[in-house]
Amino acid sequence: MARTIEEEMESLREEERRLASKKAQLVKRARDEAIKSVEKTGLLKLESRRLEALAGRIKSLGIEEVEKRLAA
């Protein structure tokens, strides 16, 4: 039986919603894993003021520069 255009459009919208939901779950999972990695380093034990200052400095220098300086 041939599907109508409306049925196909609704099917596509449903698929888009499903994929958007799956993408959101993956983004959340990636964020959770990143937070766990930071927790393992002990950085979350710093007082918030120190952690904020450190993060600000990393942001201003850029990740590549920080990695280069730490490797030196």
N, C-alpha and C. Protein backbone atom coordinates (compact mmCIF):
# COMPACT_ATOMS: atom_id res chain seq x y z
N MET A 1 0.84 -1.17 0.00
CA MET A 1 0.00 0.00 0.00
C MET A 1 0.89 1.24 0.00
N ALA A 2 0.60 2.14 -0.87
CA ALA A 2 1.38 3.36 -0.98
C ALA A 2 1.09 4.29 0.19
N ARG A 3 2.15 4.89 0.70
CA ARG A 3 1.98 5.83 1.80
C ARG A 3 1.76 7.22 1.24
N THR A 4 1.01 7.97 1.96
CA THR A 4 0.77 9.34 1.52
C THR A 4 1.98 10.20 1.89
N ILE A 5 2.08 11.33 1.27
CA ILE A 5 3.16 12.25 1.57
C ILE A 5 3.11 12.67 3.03
N GLU A 6 1.91 12.90 3.53
CA GLU A 6 1.75 13.31 4.93
C GLU A 6 2.27 12.23 5.88
N GLU A 7 1.98 10.97 5.56
CA GLU A 7 2.45 9.88 6.41
C GLU A 7 3.98 9.80 6.39
N GLU A 8 4.55 9.99 5.22
CA GLU A 8 6.01 9.95 5.11
C GLU A 8 6.64 11.11 5.87
N MET A 9 6.03 12.29 5.77
CA MET A 9 6.54 13.46 6.48
C MET A 9 6.48 13.23 7.99
N GLU A 10 5.38 12.68 8.46
CA GLU A 10 5.25 12.40 9.89
C GLU A 10 6.28 11.37 10.33
N SER A 11 6.52 10.38 9.50
CA SER A 11 7.52 9.37 9.80
C SER A 11 8.91 10.02 9.91
N LEU A 12 9.21 10.93 9.00
CA LEU A 12 10.49 11.63 9.04
C LEU A 12 10.61 12.50 10.29
N ARG A 13 9.54 13.18 10.66
CA ARG A 13 9.57 14.02 11.87
C ARG A 13 9.82 13.16 13.11
N GLU A 14 9.17 12.02 13.15
CA GLU A 14 9.36 11.10 14.28
C GLU A 14 10.81 10.62 14.35
N GLU A 15 11.37 10.28 13.21
CA GLU A 15 12.77 9.84 13.15
C GLU A 15 13.70 10.97 13.60
N GLU A 16 13.41 12.20 13.18
CA GLU A 16 14.22 13.34 13.60
C GLU A 16 14.16 13.53 15.11
N ARG A 17 12.98 13.38 15.69
CA ARG A 17 12.84 13.50 17.15
C ARG A 17 13.64 12.41 17.86
N ARG A 18 13.57 11.21 17.34
CA ARG A 18 14.31 10.10 17.93
C ARG A 18 15.82 10.35 17.87
N LEU A 19 16.28 10.81 16.71
CA LEU A 19 17.71 11.08 16.56
C LEU A 19 18.16 12.25 17.45
N ALA A 20 17.33 13.27 17.57
CA ALA A 20 17.66 14.41 18.43
C ALA A 20 17.78 13.96 19.88
N SER A 21 16.88 13.08 20.29
CA SER A 21 16.92 12.56 21.65
C SER A 21 18.19 11.74 21.87
N LYS A 22 18.53 10.91 20.92
CA LYS A 22 19.74 10.09 21.03
C LYS A 22 20.98 10.97 21.07
N LYS A 23 21.01 12.02 20.24
CA LYS A 23 22.14 12.94 20.23
C LYS A 23 22.29 13.62 21.59
N ALA A 24 21.18 14.06 22.16
CA ALA A 24 21.20 14.71 23.47
C ALA A 24 21.75 13.75 24.53
N GLN A 25 21.36 12.49 24.47
CA GLN A 25 21.86 11.50 25.42
C GLN A 25 23.37 11.31 25.27
N LEU A 26 23.85 11.28 24.03
CA LEU A 26 25.28 11.12 23.80
C LEU A 26 26.07 12.32 24.29
N VAL A 27 25.54 13.52 24.08
CA VAL A 27 26.19 14.73 24.56
C VAL A 27 26.28 14.70 26.08
N LYS A 28 25.20 14.30 26.73
CA LYS A 28 25.18 14.22 28.19
C LYS A 28 26.19 13.18 28.68
N ARG A 29 26.25 12.04 28.00
CA ARG A 29 27.19 11.00 28.39
C ARG A 29 28.64 11.47 28.24
N ALA A 30 28.92 12.18 27.14
CA ALA A 30 30.28 12.69 26.93
C ALA A 30 30.64 13.70 28.02
N ARG A 31 29.67 14.54 28.39
CA ARG A 31 29.91 15.53 29.45
C ARG A 31 30.16 14.83 30.79
N ASP A 32 29.35 13.83 31.09
CA ASP A 32 29.53 13.08 32.34
C ASP A 32 30.90 12.41 32.40
N GLU A 33 31.35 11.85 31.27
CA GLU A 33 32.66 11.21 31.23
C GLU A 33 33.78 12.23 31.41
N ALA A 34 33.60 13.42 30.84
CA ALA A 34 34.60 14.48 31.01
C ALA A 34 34.68 14.90 32.47
N ILE A 35 33.54 15.03 33.11
CA ILE A 35 33.51 15.42 34.53
C ILE A 35 34.18 14.34 35.38
N LYS A 36 33.93 13.07 35.06
CA LYS A 36 34.58 11.98 35.81
C LYS A 36 36.10 12.04 35.65
N SER A 37 36.55 12.38 34.45
CA SER A 37 38.00 12.50 34.22
C SER A 37 38.59 13.62 35.07
N VAL A 38 37.89 14.74 35.16
CA VAL A 38 38.36 15.86 35.98
C VAL A 38 38.34 15.46 37.45
N GLU A 39 37.32 14.74 37.87
CA GLU A 39 37.24 14.28 39.27
C GLU A 39 38.44 13.41 39.63
N LYS A 40 38.84 12.54 38.70
CA LYS A 40 39.96 11.64 38.96
C LYS A 40 41.27 12.39 39.19
N THR A 41 41.40 13.57 38.58
CA THR A 41 42.63 14.35 38.74
C THR A 41 42.69 15.05 40.08
N GLY A 42 41.55 15.16 40.75
CA GLY A 42 41.51 15.85 42.03
C GLY A 42 41.21 17.34 41.91
N LEU A 43 41.03 17.83 40.69
CA LEU A 43 40.78 19.26 40.51
C LEU A 43 39.49 19.72 41.16
N LEU A 44 38.51 18.85 41.25
CA LEU A 44 37.24 19.26 41.84
C LEU A 44 37.34 19.40 43.37
N LYS A 45 38.47 18.99 43.92
CA LYS A 45 38.68 19.16 45.36
C LYS A 45 39.16 20.57 45.68
N LEU A 46 39.61 21.30 44.65
CA LEU A 46 40.03 22.69 44.87
C LEU A 46 38.84 23.54 45.26
N GLU A 47 39.11 24.58 46.04
CA GLU A 47 38.02 25.50 46.34
C GLU A 47 37.61 26.18 45.03
N SER A 48 36.35 26.54 44.95
CA SER A 48 35.79 27.02 43.69
C SER A 48 36.54 28.22 43.13
N ARG A 49 37.02 29.10 43.99
CA ARG A 49 37.74 30.29 43.53
C ARG A 49 39.03 29.90 42.81
N ARG A 50 39.76 28.96 43.37
CA ARG A 50 41.01 28.50 42.74
C ARG A 50 40.74 27.76 41.44
N LEU A 51 39.72 26.92 41.45
CA LEU A 51 39.38 26.18 40.23
C LEU A 51 38.95 27.13 39.12
N GLU A 52 38.16 28.14 39.48
CA GLU A 52 37.71 29.12 38.49
C GLU A 52 38.90 29.90 37.92
N ALA A 53 39.84 30.28 38.78
CA ALA A 53 41.02 31.01 38.32
C ALA A 53 41.87 30.15 37.39
N LEU A 54 42.03 28.89 37.75
CA LEU A 54 42.80 27.97 36.92
C LEU A 54 42.14 27.77 35.57
N ALA A 55 40.84 27.56 35.58
CA ALA A 55 40.11 27.37 34.32
C ALA A 55 40.18 28.63 33.46
N GLY A 56 40.10 29.79 34.08
CA GLY A 56 40.21 31.04 33.34
C GLY A 56 41.57 31.21 32.69
N ARG A 57 42.60 30.83 33.43
CA ARG A 57 43.96 30.92 32.88
C ARG A 57 44.14 29.95 31.71
N ILE A 58 43.62 28.75 31.85
CA ILE A 58 43.70 27.77 30.76
C ILE A 58 42.95 28.30 29.54
N LYS A 59 41.79 28.88 29.78
CA LYS A 59 40.99 29.43 28.67
C LYS A 59 41.74 30.56 27.97
N SER A 60 42.37 31.43 28.75
CA SER A 60 43.06 32.57 28.13
C SER A 60 44.30 32.13 27.36
N LEU A 61 45.02 31.14 27.87
CA LEU A 61 46.21 30.65 27.18
C LEU A 61 45.87 29.76 26.00
N GLY A 62 44.82 28.98 26.14
CA GLY A 62 44.47 28.00 25.12
C GLY A 62 45.04 26.64 25.50
N ILE A 63 44.32 25.62 25.16
CA ILE A 63 44.72 24.25 25.53
C ILE A 63 46.11 23.90 25.00
N GLU A 64 46.38 24.23 23.73
CA GLU A 64 47.66 23.86 23.13
C GLU A 64 48.82 24.50 23.88
N GLU A 65 48.68 25.78 24.24
CA GLU A 65 49.74 26.48 24.97
C GLU A 65 49.96 25.87 26.35
N VAL A 66 48.87 25.54 27.03
CA VAL A 66 48.99 24.93 28.36
C VAL A 66 49.70 23.58 28.24
N GLU A 67 49.31 22.78 27.26
CA GLU A 67 49.96 21.48 27.08
C GLU A 67 51.45 21.66 26.78
N LYS A 68 51.77 22.65 25.94
CA LYS A 68 53.16 22.90 25.58
C LYS A 68 53.97 23.30 26.82
N ARG A 69 53.41 24.18 27.64
CA ARG A 69 54.12 24.63 28.84
C ARG A 69 54.28 23.50 29.85
N LEU A 70 53.28 22.66 29.97
CA LEU A 70 53.38 21.55 30.92
C LEU A 70 54.38 20.50 30.46
N ALA A 71 54.52 20.35 29.15
CA ALA A 71 55.45 19.37 28.61
C ALA A 71 56.90 19.84 28.73
N ALA A 72 57.11 21.15 28.83
CA ALA A 72 58.47 21.70 28.88
C ALA A 72 59.15 21.42 30.20
